[in-house]
Amino acid sequence: MSSDFMKNRKPSIRELFATLLRLNDISQGKASDLSGLVRQNVSSWYTGRDNAISEQSQLKLLATLGVIYGSLRSDGIHRWCVRDVEDAALVLDAVLNDEVRTHAEFWHVHNSRYPGCIVLKVAKPNESVWMMMYRPLMGEPPQPINAESLRCGVDRGDVIIDNATWESWLPPAVLEPVSFGTQMTNLIERFPYPLPPQEYYDQMEDLEGQNLVEENQEEIMKRLAPTPSELEKWNEVLFQAKVGGKDFDEIVRTTRRALGIRVLGSRLEQ
């Protein structure tokens, strides 16, 4: 089916529901349960029996999958697993009006484990809608995920997100939209200029390496922290040195000798 044809048509509620199931990576039965509806009734409607559920129940199903009264919900982060770019394009065309579509912003996420990811920001007068689009680990969509393939908005730039952070964003109900928006804004400000992909990966590895170094340093500092008994012994040695009228340098030397430490404060070199 040509993209021109898809662009000029609106999906039915049933088709929109089916597409949102794929994008949200959720089963029909699970969507029914979350919407408080009987699975069998939803299944009958889904397979063509129009009066199996009411119109209100159909709207409940869409709301469960992130679309309320024809618009993207703003009270949570949308997470779409994009196996077919046309699915995402179809839904965005159906739920965004022309003005919102024009100002939508796509940020290309660079990380080594999930290539080709996108964060979409849809700005509205009083709020913003945030969406994460990612590819399944197995298989790839026929087109890249970007403004051109989704026929919506503009590509604003690139950000580096380490694998751990990106994976922490994937589970539902982890972040509120405001918190997510703040984190994304900080990342956008940190990497405002487009770089060749290899330079991004190099920077990302540097960041992940730095995080590892910081974690190692924290662990080392825990190991170096004196125990209560060592502090008591140290204070006793310092007191005796002071009573003896020794100057600071001599006190330090006395303390090292008394505790058997070659580098003051480091038990790694005892």
Protein backbone atom coordinates (compact mmCIF):
# COMPACT_ATOMS: atom_id res chain seq x y z
CA MET A 1 0.00 0.00 0.00
CA SER A 2 1.52 3.32 -1.05
CA SER A 3 2.42 5.96 1.50
CA ASP A 4 0.46 8.57 -0.50
CA PHE A 5 -2.71 6.54 -0.08
CA MET A 6 -2.07 6.04 3.64
CA LYS A 7 -1.43 9.74 4.09
CA ASN A 8 -4.81 10.71 2.68
CA ARG A 9 -6.99 8.31 4.67
CA LYS A 10 -8.14 8.12 8.27
CA PRO A 11 -8.21 4.74 10.00
CA SER A 12 -11.37 3.34 11.54
CA ILE A 13 -11.49 2.92 15.33
CA ARG A 14 -10.97 -0.81 14.85
CA GLU A 15 -7.92 -0.26 12.65
CA LEU A 16 -6.54 2.36 15.03
CA PHE A 17 -6.97 -0.11 17.91
CA ALA A 18 -5.16 -2.87 16.01
CA THR A 19 -2.27 -0.54 15.13
CA LEU A 20 -1.95 0.73 18.69
CA LEU A 21 -1.81 -2.86 19.94
CA ARG A 22 1.23 -3.45 17.77
CA LEU A 23 2.92 -0.19 18.71
CA ASN A 24 2.30 -0.67 22.44
CA ASP A 25 3.42 -4.28 22.13
CA ILE A 26 0.38 -5.50 24.03
CA SER A 27 -2.14 -8.26 23.37
CA GLN A 28 -5.81 -7.72 22.68
CA GLY A 29 -6.72 -9.65 25.83
CA LYS A 30 -4.41 -7.56 28.02
CA ALA A 31 -5.84 -4.32 26.58
CA SER A 32 -9.33 -5.63 27.35
CA ASP A 33 -8.38 -6.40 30.95
CA LEU A 34 -6.77 -3.00 31.50
CA SER A 35 -9.88 -1.33 30.09
CA GLY A 36 -12.20 -3.31 32.37
CA LEU A 37 -13.92 -5.03 29.44
CA VAL A 38 -14.81 -8.64 28.75
CA ARG A 39 -12.22 -10.24 26.50
CA GLN A 40 -14.73 -12.22 24.47
CA ASN A 41 -16.83 -9.14 23.72
CA VAL A 42 -13.77 -7.17 22.61
CA SER A 43 -12.65 -10.09 20.46
CA SER A 44 -16.07 -10.23 18.78
CA TRP A 45 -15.95 -6.52 18.04
CA TYR A 46 -12.36 -6.74 16.83
CA THR A 47 -13.27 -9.46 14.32
CA GLY A 48 -16.15 -7.49 12.84
CA ARG A 49 -19.22 -7.57 15.07
CA ASP A 50 -19.89 -3.85 15.44
CA ASN A 51 -22.43 -4.04 18.27
CA ALA A 52 -20.38 -6.39 20.48
CA ILE A 53 -19.21 -3.43 22.58
CA SER A 54 -20.49 0.12 22.89
CA GLU A 55 -18.83 3.17 21.38
CA GLN A 56 -17.86 4.24 24.91
CA SER A 57 -16.10 0.92 25.41
CA GLN A 58 -14.23 1.41 22.13
CA LEU A 59 -13.02 4.78 23.41
CA LYS A 60 -11.91 3.08 26.65
CA LEU A 61 -9.73 0.71 24.63
CA LEU A 62 -8.09 3.60 22.78
CA ALA A 63 -7.53 5.50 26.04
CA THR A 64 -5.79 2.45 27.51
CA LEU A 65 -3.46 2.49 24.52
CA GLY A 66 -2.67 6.21 24.79
CA VAL A 67 -5.31 7.98 22.68
CA ILE A 68 -8.11 9.89 24.38
CA TYR A 69 -10.83 11.67 22.41
CA GLY A 70 -8.73 11.56 19.28
CA SER A 71 -5.50 12.97 20.81
CA LEU A 72 -2.38 11.56 22.42
CA ARG A 73 -2.64 11.43 26.19
CA SER A 74 -0.33 13.79 28.07
CA ASP A 75 -0.49 12.12 31.49
CA GLY A 76 2.16 9.51 30.73
CA ILE A 77 5.11 8.65 28.49
CA HIS A 78 4.19 6.86 25.27
CA ARG A 79 6.46 3.94 24.44
CA TRP A 80 6.11 2.55 20.92
CA CYS A 81 7.91 -0.51 19.65
CA VAL A 82 8.08 0.31 15.93
CA ARG A 83 8.25 -2.81 13.79
CA ASP A 84 6.68 -1.06 10.81
CA VAL A 85 7.20 2.69 10.40
CA GLU A 86 3.86 2.94 8.60
CA ASP A 87 2.06 1.95 11.83
CA ALA A 88 3.54 4.94 13.64
CA ALA A 89 2.88 7.28 10.71
CA LEU A 90 -0.75 6.16 10.48
CA VAL A 91 -1.48 6.84 14.15
CA LEU A 92 0.34 10.18 14.25
CA ASP A 93 -1.59 11.30 11.18
CA ALA A 94 -4.84 10.36 12.90
CA VAL A 95 -4.21 11.96 16.31
CA LEU A 96 -2.25 15.15 15.51
CA ASN A 97 -3.79 18.17 13.83
CA ASP A 98 -1.88 20.02 11.13
CA GLU A 99 -0.50 22.74 13.43
CA VAL A 100 0.74 20.29 16.05
CA ARG A 101 2.22 18.02 13.37
CA THR A 102 4.21 20.92 11.95
CA HIS A 103 5.85 21.76 15.29
CA ALA A 104 6.49 18.22 16.51
CA GLU A 105 10.19 17.63 17.28
CA PHE A 106 12.14 14.42 16.76
CA TRP A 107 15.37 13.81 18.66
CA HIS A 108 17.57 10.96 17.45
CA VAL A 109 18.89 8.84 20.29
CA HIS A 110 22.35 7.31 20.00
CA ASN A 111 23.21 4.28 22.08
CA SER A 112 25.02 1.11 21.17
CA ARG A 113 22.33 -1.39 22.17
CA TYR A 114 19.20 0.18 20.63
CA PRO A 115 20.11 1.83 17.32
CA GLY A 116 17.65 4.06 15.49
CA CYS A 117 15.61 5.19 18.50
CA ILE A 118 13.60 8.40 18.55
CA VAL A 119 12.17 10.68 21.23
CA LEU A 120 9.20 12.71 19.98
CA LYS A 121 8.10 15.91 21.66
CA VAL A 122 4.65 17.22 20.78
CA ALA A 123 4.27 20.72 22.17
CA LYS A 124 0.79 21.96 23.07
CA PRO A 125 -0.31 25.30 24.56
CA ASN A 126 -0.35 24.08 28.18
CA GLU A 127 1.63 20.86 28.09
CA SER A 128 3.94 18.63 26.09
CA VAL A 129 3.45 15.04 25.04
CA TRP A 130 6.56 12.83 25.08
CA MET A 131 6.97 9.61 23.15
CA MET A 132 9.79 7.07 22.92
CA MET A 133 10.00 5.08 19.71
CA TYR A 134 12.35 2.13 19.57
CA ARG A 135 13.00 -0.83 17.33
CA PRO A 136 12.58 -4.39 18.55
CA LEU A 137 15.87 -6.11 19.28
CA MET A 138 15.08 -8.67 16.58
CA GLY A 139 14.32 -7.32 13.13
CA GLU A 140 14.19 -3.78 11.80
CA PRO A 141 11.51 -1.67 10.10
CA PRO A 142 11.98 -1.10 6.36
CA GLN A 143 12.67 2.61 6.88
CA PRO A 144 14.52 4.67 9.47
CA ILE A 145 12.38 6.36 12.11
CA ASN A 146 12.51 10.08 11.39
CA ALA A 147 10.39 13.08 10.45
CA GLU A 148 10.38 12.18 6.75
CA SER A 149 9.31 8.55 7.18
CA LEU A 150 6.65 9.54 9.74
CA ARG A 151 5.47 12.48 7.61
CA CYS A 152 5.41 14.67 10.70
CA GLY A 153 7.39 17.44 12.38
CA VAL A 154 11.10 18.16 12.07
CA ASP A 155 14.33 16.38 13.00
CA ARG A 156 15.84 18.59 15.70
CA GLY A 157 19.12 16.88 16.44
CA ASP A 158 20.90 14.09 18.24
CA VAL A 159 21.43 13.13 21.85
CA ILE A 160 23.54 10.45 23.51
CA ILE A 161 21.79 8.32 26.11
CA ASP A 162 23.71 5.52 27.79
CA ASN A 163 22.15 2.07 27.58
CA ALA A 164 21.27 1.87 31.26
CA THR A 165 19.34 5.16 31.21
CA TRP A 166 17.45 4.27 28.03
CA GLU A 167 16.51 0.83 29.39
CA SER A 168 15.33 2.42 32.65
CA TRP A 169 12.87 4.50 30.61
CA LEU A 170 11.32 1.56 28.78
CA PRO A 171 9.18 -0.04 31.52
CA PRO A 172 5.73 1.58 31.91
CA ALA A 173 4.92 3.95 34.76
CA VAL A 174 8.53 4.68 35.68
CA LEU A 175 8.66 8.39 34.90
CA GLU A 176 6.16 11.21 35.01
CA PRO A 177 6.06 13.39 31.87
CA VAL A 178 7.50 16.42 33.68
CA SER A 179 10.44 14.41 35.04
CA PHE A 180 11.05 12.80 31.66
CA GLY A 181 10.89 16.19 29.93
CA THR A 182 13.43 17.61 32.38
CA GLN A 183 15.85 14.75 31.77
CA MET A 184 15.50 15.03 28.01
CA THR A 185 15.97 18.80 28.09
CA ASN A 186 19.19 18.35 30.07
CA LEU A 187 20.45 15.80 27.54
CA ILE A 188 19.52 18.03 24.62
CA GLU A 189 21.43 20.94 26.16
CA ARG A 190 24.41 18.69 26.81
CA PHE A 191 24.72 17.57 23.18
CA PRO A 192 23.36 20.43 21.07
CA TYR A 193 25.42 19.88 17.93
CA PRO A 194 25.12 17.09 15.37
CA LEU A 195 28.15 14.82 15.22
CA PRO A 196 29.07 11.90 12.97
CA PRO A 197 27.69 8.64 14.45
CA GLN A 198 31.13 7.27 15.33
CA GLU A 199 31.95 10.36 17.35
CA TYR A 200 28.68 9.92 19.21
CA TYR A 201 29.52 6.33 20.05
CA ASP A 202 33.00 7.39 21.15
CA GLN A 203 31.54 10.04 23.45
CA MET A 204 28.97 7.60 24.76
CA GLU A 205 31.70 5.08 25.60
CA ASP A 206 33.60 7.85 27.37
CA LEU A 207 30.50 8.67 29.40
CA GLU A 208 29.86 5.05 30.31
CA GLY A 209 33.54 4.64 31.17
CA GLN A 210 33.38 7.75 33.35
CA ASN A 211 30.30 6.38 35.12
CA LEU A 212 32.23 3.16 35.76
CA VAL A 213 35.21 5.10 37.07
CA GLU A 214 32.94 7.09 39.38
CA GLU A 215 31.33 3.89 40.63
CA ASN A 216 34.78 2.37 41.22
CA GLN A 217 35.94 5.50 43.00
CA GLU A 218 32.90 5.38 45.24
CA GLU A 219 33.60 1.75 46.07
CA ILE A 220 37.25 2.53 46.78
CA MET A 221 36.28 5.40 49.07
CA LYS A 222 34.03 3.06 51.01
CA ARG A 223 36.96 0.68 51.42
CA LEU A 224 39.23 3.52 52.47
CA ALA A 225 36.85 4.94 55.06
CA PRO A 226 38.33 4.22 58.52
CA THR A 227 36.43 2.01 60.91
CA PRO A 228 35.35 3.38 64.32
CA SER A 229 38.15 1.45 66.05
CA GLU A 230 40.74 2.85 63.61
CA LEU A 231 39.46 6.39 64.18
CA GLU A 232 39.73 5.88 67.93
CA LYS A 233 43.31 4.62 67.60
CA TRP A 234 44.18 7.46 65.23
CA ASN A 235 42.77 10.09 67.60
CA GLU A 236 44.76 8.60 70.47
CA VAL A 237 48.01 8.76 68.46
CA LEU A 238 47.28 12.36 67.39
CA PHE A 239 46.53 13.37 70.99
CA GLN A 240 49.79 11.86 72.25
CA ALA A 241 51.72 13.63 69.48
CA LYS A 242 50.11 16.97 70.34
CA VAL A 243 50.83 16.51 74.05
CA GLY A 244 54.47 15.91 73.10
CA GLY A 245 54.57 19.38 71.46
CA LYS A 246 55.24 18.12 67.91
CA ASP A 247 54.43 20.25 64.86
CA PHE A 248 51.90 19.21 62.18
CA ASP A 249 54.34 17.48 59.81
CA GLU A 250 55.85 15.52 62.65
CA ILE A 251 52.37 14.55 63.90
CA VAL A 252 51.56 13.20 60.41
CA ARG A 253 54.76 11.15 60.34
CA THR A 254 54.07 9.83 63.83
CA THR A 255 50.54 8.82 62.85
CA ARG A 256 51.76 7.01 59.74
CA ARG A 257 54.35 5.08 61.67
CA ALA A 258 51.94 4.21 64.48
CA LEU A 259 49.23 2.91 62.12
CA GLY A 260 51.63 1.32 59.64
CA ILE A 261 50.37 3.48 56.76
CA ARG A 262 52.73 4.60 53.99
CA VAL A 263 50.16 6.95 52.39
CA LEU A 264 48.04 8.87 54.87
CA GLY A 265 44.38 7.86 54.62
CA SER A 266 44.99 4.80 52.39
CA ARG A 267 44.75 1.33 53.81
CA LEU A 268 45.41 -0.10 50.33
CA GLU A 269 49.12 0.62 50.82
CA GLN A 270 49.56 -0.64 54.36
